[in-house]
Amino acid sequence: MTDDNKRRNLRDEVARAADALRASEALVGLGLHADAVSRAYYGVFHLLRALLLSRGVEPKTHGGAIHLFNTELVRAGLFPSSHNRLLAGLQRARELADYDAAVVFSEQDARAELAEARELEKAALEHLRGEGWIP
């Protein structure tokens, strides 16, 4: 992948992340809390893909993205290990939201998941800006 392709793909992932997080906020407002939880996770997933693309790594699965985030960015000291716990929590909540109809998310639950996603978004964007990948 050329540097121009990497930069374009990375920016596409950042844009998709922003869309997913905006959708999550809108879904909370509509009372669609499980859907809001799911979109919050996907926002973070697209940011993970952007971060990994910046390192020249392209994950194939969701679990792979989280694993590579840990090995490429947390272990390298670029992100705190607490971000791994946030990611694992967001992924678990998304799985429940998408696949377990018996689990009910409240507005407070959805807002908490979205807040964690926004925390990760802030750190990811700061990192990508600091490395010159995005303006």
N, C-alpha and C. Protein backbone atom coordinates (compact mmCIF):
# COMPACT_ATOMS: atom_id res chain seq x y z
N MET A 1 0.85 -1.17 0.00
CA MET A 1 0.00 0.00 0.00
C MET A 1 0.89 1.23 0.00
N THR A 2 0.63 2.14 -0.92
CA THR A 2 1.42 3.37 -0.97
C THR A 2 1.04 4.28 0.18
N ASP A 3 1.87 5.24 0.47
CA ASP A 3 1.60 6.18 1.54
C ASP A 3 0.32 6.98 1.25
N ASP A 4 0.11 7.33 -0.03
CA ASP A 4 -1.12 8.05 -0.38
C ASP A 4 -2.36 7.19 -0.14
N ASN A 5 -2.29 5.91 -0.51
CA ASN A 5 -3.41 5.00 -0.26
C ASN A 5 -3.66 4.83 1.24
N LYS A 6 -2.58 4.68 1.98
CA LYS A 6 -2.70 4.52 3.42
C LYS A 6 -3.38 5.75 4.03
N ARG A 7 -2.94 6.92 3.62
CA ARG A 7 -3.50 8.17 4.13
C ARG A 7 -4.99 8.29 3.77
N ARG A 8 -5.34 7.94 2.54
CA ARG A 8 -6.74 8.01 2.10
C ARG A 8 -7.60 7.02 2.88
N ASN A 9 -7.12 5.79 3.01
CA ASN A 9 -7.87 4.77 3.75
C ASN A 9 -8.03 5.15 5.22
N LEU A 10 -6.99 5.69 5.78
CA LEU A 10 -7.01 6.13 7.17
C LEU A 10 -8.06 7.23 7.36
N ARG A 11 -8.07 8.19 6.47
CA ARG A 11 -9.05 9.28 6.57
C ARG A 11 -10.47 8.78 6.36
N ASP A 12 -10.65 7.79 5.49
CA ASP A 12 -11.98 7.18 5.30
C ASP A 12 -12.45 6.51 6.59
N GLU A 13 -11.54 5.83 7.27
CA GLU A 13 -11.90 5.19 8.54
C GLU A 13 -12.28 6.24 9.60
N VAL A 14 -11.53 7.32 9.65
CA VAL A 14 -11.85 8.40 10.61
C VAL A 14 -13.23 8.99 10.31
N ALA A 15 -13.53 9.17 9.03
CA ALA A 15 -14.84 9.71 8.65
C ALA A 15 -15.96 8.74 9.03
N ARG A 16 -15.74 7.45 8.80
CA ARG A 16 -16.76 6.46 9.18
C ARG A 16 -16.94 6.42 10.68
N ALA A 17 -15.86 6.60 11.42
CA ALA A 17 -15.96 6.64 12.88
C ALA A 17 -16.82 7.82 13.33
N ALA A 18 -16.56 8.97 12.74
CA ALA A 18 -17.35 10.16 13.09
C ALA A 18 -18.82 9.95 12.80
N ASP A 19 -19.12 9.34 11.65
CA ASP A 19 -20.52 9.06 11.30
C ASP A 19 -21.17 8.11 12.31
N ALA A 20 -20.45 7.06 12.68
CA ALA A 20 -21.00 6.09 13.62
C ALA A 20 -21.26 6.71 14.99
N LEU A 21 -20.35 7.56 15.43
CA LEU A 21 -20.53 8.21 16.73
C LEU A 21 -21.67 9.23 16.70
N ARG A 22 -21.81 9.94 15.60
CA ARG A 22 -22.96 10.85 15.46
C ARG A 22 -24.26 10.06 15.44
N ALA A 23 -24.25 8.93 14.75
CA ALA A 23 -25.44 8.07 14.71
C ALA A 23 -25.77 7.56 16.11
N SER A 24 -24.76 7.21 16.87
CA SER A 24 -24.98 6.74 18.23
C SER A 24 -25.68 7.82 19.06
N GLU A 25 -25.21 9.04 18.95
CA GLU A 25 -25.84 10.15 19.68
C GLU A 25 -27.30 10.32 19.26
N ALA A 26 -27.56 10.26 17.96
CA ALA A 26 -28.92 10.41 17.46
C ALA A 26 -29.81 9.27 17.96
N LEU A 27 -29.28 8.06 17.97
CA LEU A 27 -30.05 6.90 18.42
C LEU A 27 -30.39 6.98 19.90
N VAL A 28 -29.47 7.52 20.70
CA VAL A 28 -29.79 7.75 22.12
C VAL A 28 -30.99 8.69 22.21
N GLY A 29 -30.95 9.76 21.44
CA GLY A 29 -32.04 10.73 21.44
C GLY A 29 -33.37 10.15 21.00
N LEU A 30 -33.31 9.12 20.16
CA LEU A 30 -34.53 8.46 19.68
C LEU A 30 -35.00 7.34 20.61
N GLY A 31 -34.23 7.09 21.66
CA GLY A 31 -34.59 6.02 22.59
C GLY A 31 -34.22 4.64 22.10
N LEU A 32 -33.37 4.56 21.10
CA LEU A 32 -32.92 3.27 20.56
C LEU A 32 -31.56 2.93 21.17
N HIS A 33 -31.60 2.55 22.43
CA HIS A 33 -30.39 2.45 23.23
C HIS A 33 -29.46 1.31 22.80
N ALA A 34 -30.00 0.15 22.47
CA ALA A 34 -29.14 -0.95 22.03
C ALA A 34 -28.44 -0.58 20.73
N ASP A 35 -29.17 0.04 19.83
CA ASP A 35 -28.56 0.47 18.56
C ASP A 35 -27.50 1.53 18.81
N ALA A 36 -27.73 2.41 19.76
CA ALA A 36 -26.75 3.45 20.10
C ALA A 36 -25.46 2.81 20.63
N VAL A 37 -25.61 1.78 21.47
CA VAL A 37 -24.44 1.07 22.00
C VAL A 37 -23.65 0.43 20.87
N SER A 38 -24.35 -0.20 19.95
CA SER A 38 -23.69 -0.85 18.82
C SER A 38 -22.93 0.16 17.97
N ARG A 39 -23.55 1.27 17.64
CA ARG A 39 -22.90 2.28 16.81
C ARG A 39 -21.71 2.91 17.53
N ALA A 40 -21.78 3.07 18.84
CA ALA A 40 -20.64 3.61 19.59
C ALA A 40 -19.43 2.70 19.43
N TYR A 41 -19.67 1.39 19.55
CA TYR A 41 -18.57 0.44 19.35
C TYR A 41 -18.00 0.56 17.93
N TYR A 42 -18.87 0.61 16.94
CA TYR A 42 -18.38 0.67 15.56
C TYR A 42 -17.60 1.96 15.30
N GLY A 43 -17.98 3.03 15.96
CA GLY A 43 -17.18 4.24 15.84
C GLY A 43 -15.75 4.00 16.29
N VAL A 44 -15.62 3.33 17.43
CA VAL A 44 -14.28 3.02 17.96
C VAL A 44 -13.56 2.02 17.06
N PHE A 45 -14.28 1.05 16.55
CA PHE A 45 -13.66 0.06 15.67
C PHE A 45 -13.02 0.74 14.45
N HIS A 46 -13.72 1.70 13.86
CA HIS A 46 -13.15 2.41 12.70
C HIS A 46 -11.92 3.23 13.10
N LEU A 47 -11.93 3.78 14.30
CA LEU A 47 -10.75 4.50 14.78
C LEU A 47 -9.58 3.55 15.00
N LEU A 48 -9.87 2.36 15.51
CA LEU A 48 -8.81 1.35 15.66
C LEU A 48 -8.19 1.02 14.32
N ARG A 49 -9.04 0.85 13.32
CA ARG A 49 -8.53 0.55 11.98
C ARG A 49 -7.65 1.69 11.48
N ALA A 50 -8.05 2.93 11.74
CA ALA A 50 -7.24 4.09 11.32
C ALA A 50 -5.89 4.07 12.04
N LEU A 51 -5.92 3.85 13.34
CA LEU A 51 -4.67 3.81 14.11
C LEU A 51 -3.75 2.71 13.59
N LEU A 52 -4.31 1.57 13.31
CA LEU A 52 -3.49 0.45 12.84
C LEU A 52 -2.96 0.70 11.43
N LEU A 53 -3.78 1.31 10.59
CA LEU A 53 -3.29 1.68 9.26
C LEU A 53 -2.09 2.62 9.36
N SER A 54 -2.11 3.50 10.34
CA SER A 54 -0.99 4.43 10.52
C SER A 54 0.30 3.68 10.85
N ARG A 55 0.16 2.47 11.37
CA ARG A 55 1.32 1.63 11.70
C ARG A 55 1.63 0.62 10.60
N GLY A 56 0.86 0.68 9.51
CA GLY A 56 1.09 -0.24 8.41
C GLY A 56 0.48 -1.62 8.62
N VAL A 57 -0.50 -1.70 9.53
CA VAL A 57 -1.13 -2.97 9.87
C VAL A 57 -2.61 -2.89 9.53
N GLU A 58 -3.15 -3.96 8.93
CA GLU A 58 -4.55 -3.98 8.55
C GLU A 58 -5.21 -5.21 9.18
N PRO A 59 -6.04 -5.01 10.22
CA PRO A 59 -6.68 -6.15 10.88
C PRO A 59 -7.75 -6.78 10.00
N LYS A 60 -7.95 -8.08 10.20
CA LYS A 60 -8.96 -8.82 9.41
C LYS A 60 -10.26 -9.01 10.20
N THR A 61 -10.17 -8.97 11.53
CA THR A 61 -11.34 -9.22 12.38
C THR A 61 -11.42 -8.18 13.49
N HIS A 62 -12.55 -8.17 14.18
CA HIS A 62 -12.70 -7.26 15.31
C HIS A 62 -11.72 -7.64 16.42
N GLY A 63 -11.68 -8.93 16.73
CA GLY A 63 -10.74 -9.40 17.75
C GLY A 63 -9.30 -9.11 17.36
N GLY A 64 -9.01 -9.27 16.08
CA GLY A 64 -7.67 -8.97 15.59
C GLY A 64 -7.32 -7.51 15.74
N ALA A 65 -8.30 -6.64 15.52
CA ALA A 65 -8.05 -5.20 15.67
C ALA A 65 -7.70 -4.86 17.12
N ILE A 66 -8.43 -5.45 18.04
CA ILE A 66 -8.17 -5.18 19.46
C ILE A 66 -6.82 -5.76 19.87
N HIS A 67 -6.53 -6.97 19.41
CA HIS A 67 -5.23 -7.58 19.71
C HIS A 67 -4.08 -6.73 19.15
N LEU A 68 -4.22 -6.31 17.89
CA LEU A 68 -3.17 -5.50 17.27
C LEU A 68 -3.04 -4.13 17.93
N PHE A 69 -4.15 -3.56 18.38
CA PHE A 69 -4.09 -2.30 19.12
C PHE A 69 -3.20 -2.49 20.35
N ASN A 70 -3.41 -3.60 21.04
CA ASN A 70 -2.62 -3.87 22.23
C ASN A 70 -1.14 -4.04 21.88
N THR A 71 -0.86 -4.86 20.87
CA THR A 71 0.54 -5.15 20.57
C THR A 71 1.25 -3.98 19.89
N GLU A 72 0.56 -3.26 19.03
CA GLU A 72 1.19 -2.19 18.26
C GLU A 72 1.22 -0.83 18.97
N LEU A 73 0.22 -0.57 19.80
CA LEU A 73 0.09 0.77 20.36
C LEU A 73 0.17 0.82 21.89
N VAL A 74 -0.44 -0.13 22.57
CA VAL A 74 -0.38 -0.12 24.04
C VAL A 74 0.99 -0.57 24.51
N ARG A 75 1.44 -1.70 24.01
CA ARG A 75 2.76 -2.21 24.44
C ARG A 75 3.89 -1.28 24.02
N ALA A 76 3.67 -0.52 22.95
CA ALA A 76 4.68 0.45 22.51
C ALA A 76 4.66 1.71 23.37
N GLY A 77 3.71 1.79 24.30
CA GLY A 77 3.64 2.94 25.20
C GLY A 77 2.91 4.15 24.61
N LEU A 78 2.24 3.97 23.49
CA LEU A 78 1.56 5.09 22.85
C LEU A 78 0.15 5.32 23.39
N PHE A 79 -0.44 4.29 23.99
CA PHE A 79 -1.76 4.37 24.61
C PHE A 79 -1.71 3.63 25.94
N PRO A 80 -2.47 4.10 26.93
CA PRO A 80 -2.48 3.42 28.23
C PRO A 80 -3.23 2.08 28.15
N SER A 81 -2.87 1.15 29.01
CA SER A 81 -3.53 -0.16 29.03
C SER A 81 -5.00 -0.04 29.40
N SER A 82 -5.38 1.04 30.05
CA SER A 82 -6.79 1.24 30.39
C SER A 82 -7.67 1.30 29.14
N HIS A 83 -7.09 1.68 28.02
CA HIS A 83 -7.85 1.71 26.77
C HIS A 83 -8.24 0.30 26.31
N ASN A 84 -7.42 -0.69 26.65
CA ASN A 84 -7.78 -2.07 26.33
C ASN A 84 -9.05 -2.48 27.06
N ARG A 85 -9.17 -2.09 28.32
CA ARG A 85 -10.37 -2.42 29.10
C ARG A 85 -11.60 -1.72 28.52
N LEU A 86 -11.44 -0.46 28.12
CA LEU A 86 -12.55 0.25 27.49
C LEU A 86 -12.99 -0.44 26.20
N LEU A 87 -12.02 -0.84 25.40
CA LEU A 87 -12.34 -1.52 24.15
C LEU A 87 -13.05 -2.84 24.39
N ALA A 88 -12.55 -3.61 25.34
CA ALA A 88 -13.18 -4.90 25.64
C ALA A 88 -14.62 -4.69 26.12
N GLY A 89 -14.82 -3.68 26.95
CA GLY A 89 -16.17 -3.38 27.43
C GLY A 89 -17.10 -2.95 26.32
N LEU A 90 -16.61 -2.10 25.44
CA LEU A 90 -17.42 -1.66 24.30
C LEU A 90 -17.76 -2.82 23.38
N GLN A 91 -16.79 -3.70 23.15
CA GLN A 91 -17.03 -4.85 22.28
C GLN A 91 -18.07 -5.78 22.90
N ARG A 92 -17.95 -6.04 24.19
CA ARG A 92 -18.90 -6.93 24.87
C ARG A 92 -20.30 -6.32 24.85
N ALA A 93 -20.41 -5.03 25.12
CA ALA A 93 -21.72 -4.37 25.09
C ALA A 93 -22.32 -4.44 23.69
N ARG A 94 -21.50 -4.25 22.68
CA ARG A 94 -21.99 -4.33 21.29
C ARG A 94 -22.51 -5.72 20.98
N GLU A 95 -21.80 -6.74 21.41
CA GLU A 95 -22.26 -8.11 21.17
C GLU A 95 -23.61 -8.36 21.84
N LEU A 96 -23.76 -7.89 23.07
CA LEU A 96 -25.04 -8.04 23.76
C LEU A 96 -26.14 -7.26 23.05
N ALA A 97 -25.82 -6.04 22.64
CA ALA A 97 -26.81 -5.19 21.96
C ALA A 97 -27.26 -5.80 20.65
N ASP A 98 -26.33 -6.40 19.93
CA ASP A 98 -26.63 -6.94 18.61
C ASP A 98 -27.23 -8.35 18.64
N TYR A 99 -26.87 -9.16 19.64
CA TYR A 99 -27.21 -10.58 19.58
C TYR A 99 -28.03 -11.12 20.74
N ASP A 100 -28.26 -10.35 21.78
CA ASP A 100 -29.01 -10.86 22.94
C ASP A 100 -30.22 -9.97 23.19
N ALA A 101 -31.35 -10.39 22.64
CA ALA A 101 -32.57 -9.59 22.75
C ALA A 101 -33.06 -9.46 24.18
N ALA A 102 -32.61 -10.34 25.06
CA ALA A 102 -33.04 -10.28 26.46
C ALA A 102 -32.35 -9.16 27.23
N VAL A 103 -31.24 -8.65 26.69
CA VAL A 103 -30.50 -7.58 27.37
C VAL A 103 -31.11 -6.24 26.97
N VAL A 104 -31.46 -5.45 27.97
CA VAL A 104 -32.06 -4.13 27.74
C VAL A 104 -31.07 -3.08 28.20
N PHE A 105 -30.80 -2.13 27.34
CA PHE A 105 -29.91 -1.01 27.67
C PHE A 105 -30.76 0.21 27.98
N SER A 106 -30.44 0.86 29.08
CA SER A 106 -31.13 2.09 29.44
C SER A 106 -30.48 3.27 28.73
N GLU A 107 -31.11 4.41 28.83
CA GLU A 107 -30.49 5.62 28.28
C GLU A 107 -29.16 5.88 28.97
N GLN A 108 -29.12 5.67 30.27
CA GLN A 108 -27.88 5.88 31.03
C GLN A 108 -26.79 4.92 30.54
N ASP A 109 -27.14 3.67 30.27
CA ASP A 109 -26.17 2.70 29.75
C ASP A 109 -25.61 3.17 28.40
N ALA A 110 -26.52 3.57 27.52
CA ALA A 110 -26.11 3.99 26.18
C ALA A 110 -25.22 5.23 26.26
N ARG A 111 -25.59 6.18 27.11
CA ARG A 111 -24.76 7.38 27.26
C ARG A 111 -23.39 7.05 27.83
N ALA A 112 -23.32 6.09 28.73
CA ALA A 112 -22.03 5.69 29.31
C ALA A 112 -21.14 5.04 28.24
N GLU A 113 -21.71 4.18 27.41
CA GLU A 113 -20.93 3.56 26.34
C GLU A 113 -20.44 4.60 25.34
N LEU A 114 -21.33 5.54 25.02
CA LEU A 114 -20.95 6.61 24.09
C LEU A 114 -19.85 7.48 24.68
N ALA A 115 -19.92 7.76 25.97
CA ALA A 115 -18.87 8.57 26.62
C ALA A 115 -17.52 7.85 26.56
N GLU A 116 -17.53 6.53 26.76
CA GLU A 116 -16.27 5.78 26.65
C GLU A 116 -15.74 5.81 25.22
N ALA A 117 -16.65 5.68 24.28
CA ALA A 117 -16.24 5.75 22.87
C ALA A 117 -15.64 7.12 22.55
N ARG A 118 -16.26 8.17 23.07
CA ARG A 118 -15.74 9.53 22.83
C ARG A 118 -14.36 9.72 23.47
N GLU A 119 -14.14 9.09 24.62
CA GLU A 119 -12.83 9.17 25.27
C GLU A 119 -11.77 8.54 24.37
N LEU A 120 -12.08 7.38 23.81
CA LEU A 120 -11.14 6.72 22.90
C LEU A 120 -10.97 7.52 21.62
N GLU A 121 -12.07 8.12 21.14
CA GLU A 121 -11.99 8.94 19.94
C GLU A 121 -11.02 10.10 20.15
N LYS A 122 -11.13 10.76 21.28
CA LYS A 122 -10.26 11.91 21.56
C LYS A 122 -8.79 11.49 21.54
N ALA A 123 -8.49 10.39 22.19
CA ALA A 123 -7.10 9.92 22.25
C ALA A 123 -6.60 9.51 20.86
N ALA A 124 -7.45 8.82 20.10
CA ALA A 124 -7.04 8.37 18.77
C ALA A 124 -6.78 9.55 17.84
N LEU A 125 -7.68 10.53 17.85
CA LEU A 125 -7.50 11.69 16.97
C LEU A 125 -6.29 12.51 17.36
N GLU A 126 -6.05 12.66 18.66
CA GLU A 126 -4.84 13.37 19.11
C GLU A 126 -3.59 12.65 18.61
N HIS A 127 -3.59 11.34 18.70
CA HIS A 127 -2.44 10.56 18.24
C HIS A 127 -2.24 10.72 16.74
N LEU A 128 -3.31 10.57 15.97
CA LEU A 128 -3.20 10.68 14.51
C LEU A 128 -2.79 12.08 14.08
N ARG A 129 -3.28 13.10 14.75
CA ARG A 129 -2.86 14.48 14.45
C ARG A 129 -1.38 14.67 14.80
N GLY A 130 -1.00 14.15 15.95
CA GLY A 130 0.39 14.29 16.39
C GLY A 130 1.38 13.64 15.43
N GLU A 131 0.95 12.59 14.77
CA GLU A 131 1.82 11.93 13.80
C GLU A 131 1.65 12.48 12.38
N GLY A 132 0.78 13.48 12.22
CA GLY A 132 0.61 14.12 10.92
C GLY A 132 -0.26 13.38 9.94
N TRP A 133 -1.06 12.42 10.41
CA TRP A 133 -1.92 11.67 9.50
C TRP A 133 -3.20 12.41 9.15
N ILE A 134 -3.69 13.22 10.07
CA ILE A 134 -4.90 14.01 9.82
C ILE A 134 -4.65 15.44 10.28
N PRO A 135 -5.37 16.39 9.68
CA PRO A 135 -5.16 17.79 10.08
C PRO A 135 -5.74 18.10 11.46
